[in-house]
Amino acid sequence: MSINFKESIKEEIKKRGITINQLSQITGQSRDSLYRFLNGKTQAIHSSTLEAVLDYLGFDLTHKVQ
C-alpha cells in the first residue's frame, strides 16, 4: 500500500486551518522546505522534517514487515 504523504499533510493542514508558515513555526522545520514539498517544487523531504510534521499532525507511522 502506498501512502501519499503530501496529500495527507495538505488535507490535514487545510482541515485545521493552518498555513505552511504556521506549520513551520509550530514544528520548527524550514518553511522553504515545507513549501517546496507541499507545492510540488520537489519530491524529496528530509526524514526528520517529515517525521516532525506527521508527529504534530497526529499521524502514526509504523513499518509493517511482511
C-alpha atoms as a PDB file:
ATOM      1  CA  MET A   1       0.000   0.000   0.000  1.00  0.00           C
ATOM      2  CA  SER A   2       1.342   3.397  -0.969  1.00  0.00           C
ATOM      3  CA  ILE A   3       0.658   6.497   1.101  1.00  0.00           C
ATOM      4  CA  ASN A   4       0.719   9.958  -0.425  1.00  0.00           C
ATOM      5  CA  PHE A   5       2.252  11.936   2.443  1.00  0.00           C
ATOM      6  CA  LYS A   6       1.999  15.193   0.564  1.00  0.00           C
ATOM      7  CA  GLU A   7      -1.744  14.975   0.006  1.00  0.00           C
ATOM      8  CA  SER A   8      -2.387  13.689   3.534  1.00  0.00           C
ATOM      9  CA  ILE A   9      -0.471  16.607   5.038  1.00  0.00           C
ATOM     10  CA  LYS A  10      -2.148  19.156   2.758  1.00  0.00           C
ATOM     11  CA  GLU A  11      -5.604  17.820   3.659  1.00  0.00           C
ATOM     12  CA  GLU A  12      -4.863  17.892   7.373  1.00  0.00           C
ATOM     13  CA  ILE A  13      -3.457  21.428   7.449  1.00  0.00           C
ATOM     14  CA  LYS A  14      -6.425  22.620   5.403  1.00  0.00           C
ATOM     15  CA  LYS A  15      -8.794  20.895   7.815  1.00  0.00           C
ATOM     16  CA  ARG A  16      -7.028  22.558  10.751  1.00  0.00           C
ATOM     17  CA  GLY A  17      -6.949  25.937   9.034  1.00  0.00           C
ATOM     18  CA  ILE A  18      -3.218  26.474   9.403  1.00  0.00           C
ATOM     19  CA  THR A  19      -0.725  27.778   6.857  1.00  0.00           C
ATOM     20  CA  ILE A  20       2.615  26.371   5.802  1.00  0.00           C
ATOM     21  CA  ASN A  21       4.235  29.264   7.676  1.00  0.00           C
ATOM     22  CA  GLN A  22       2.375  28.325  10.865  1.00  0.00           C
ATOM     23  CA  LEU A  23       3.247  24.658  10.386  1.00  0.00           C
ATOM     24  CA  SER A  24       6.883  25.670  10.050  1.00  0.00           C
ATOM     25  CA  GLN A  25       6.793  27.708  13.258  1.00  0.00           C
ATOM     26  CA  ILE A  26       4.977  25.005  15.219  1.00  0.00           C
ATOM     27  CA  THR A  27       7.232  22.144  14.104  1.00  0.00           C
ATOM     28  CA  GLY A  28      10.489  24.101  13.924  1.00  0.00           C
ATOM     29  CA  GLN A  29      11.024  22.971  10.336  1.00  0.00           C
ATOM     30  CA  SER A  30      12.133  25.110   7.423  1.00  0.00           C
ATOM     31  CA  ARG A  31       9.261  26.982   5.812  1.00  0.00           C
ATOM     32  CA  ASP A  32      11.009  26.816   2.451  1.00  0.00           C
ATOM     33  CA  SER A  33      11.418  23.031   2.652  1.00  0.00           C
ATOM     34  CA  LEU A  34       7.775  22.556   3.593  1.00  0.00           C
ATOM     35  CA  TYR A  35       6.609  24.926   0.868  1.00  0.00           C
ATOM     36  CA  ARG A  36       8.678  23.253  -1.859  1.00  0.00           C
ATOM     37  CA  PHE A  37       7.496  19.779  -0.849  1.00  0.00           C
ATOM     38  CA  LEU A  38       3.817  20.597  -0.381  1.00  0.00           C
ATOM     39  CA  ASN A  39       3.600  22.653  -3.558  1.00  0.00           C
ATOM     40  CA  GLY A  40       5.318  20.099  -5.789  1.00  0.00           C
ATOM     41  CA  LYS A  41       8.562  22.019  -6.323  1.00  0.00           C
ATOM     42  CA  THR A  42      10.449  18.948  -5.062  1.00  0.00           C
ATOM     43  CA  GLN A  43       9.525  15.341  -4.442  1.00  0.00           C
ATOM     44  CA  ALA A  44      12.041  14.917  -1.623  1.00  0.00           C
ATOM     45  CA  ILE A  45      11.745  15.849   2.022  1.00  0.00           C
ATOM     46  CA  HIS A  46      14.213  15.127   4.793  1.00  0.00           C
ATOM     47  CA  SER A  47      13.020  12.299   7.023  1.00  0.00           C
ATOM     48  CA  SER A  48      13.332  14.390  10.201  1.00  0.00           C
ATOM     49  CA  THR A  49      11.182  17.122   8.629  1.00  0.00           C
ATOM     50  CA  LEU A  50       8.545  14.618   7.577  1.00  0.00           C
ATOM     51  CA  GLU A  51       8.630  12.969  10.989  1.00  0.00           C
ATOM     52  CA  ALA A  52       8.157  16.293  12.821  1.00  0.00           C
ATOM     53  CA  VAL A  53       5.230  17.297  10.615  1.00  0.00           C
ATOM     54  CA  LEU A  54       3.500  13.919  10.796  1.00  0.00           C
ATOM     55  CA  ASP A  55       4.003  13.797  14.569  1.00  0.00           C
ATOM     56  CA  TYR A  56       2.444  17.246  15.038  1.00  0.00           C
ATOM     57  CA  LEU A  57      -0.491  16.347  12.808  1.00  0.00           C
ATOM     58  CA  GLY A  58      -1.104  13.147  14.756  1.00  0.00           C
ATOM     59  CA  PHE A  59      -0.138  10.612  12.118  1.00  0.00           C
ATOM     60  CA  ASP A  60       1.342   7.396  13.464  1.00  0.00           C
ATOM     61  CA  LEU A  61       3.861   5.688  11.221  1.00  0.00           C
ATOM     62  CA  THR A  62       4.654   2.051  11.663  1.00  0.00           C
ATOM     63  CA  HIS A  63       6.689  -0.207   9.478  1.00  0.00           C
ATOM     64  CA  LYS A  64       4.864  -3.358   8.539  1.00  0.00           C
ATOM     65  CA  VAL A  65       7.193  -6.284   7.956  1.00  0.00           C
ATOM     66  CA  GLN A  66       5.848  -8.823   5.500  1.00  0.00           C
END
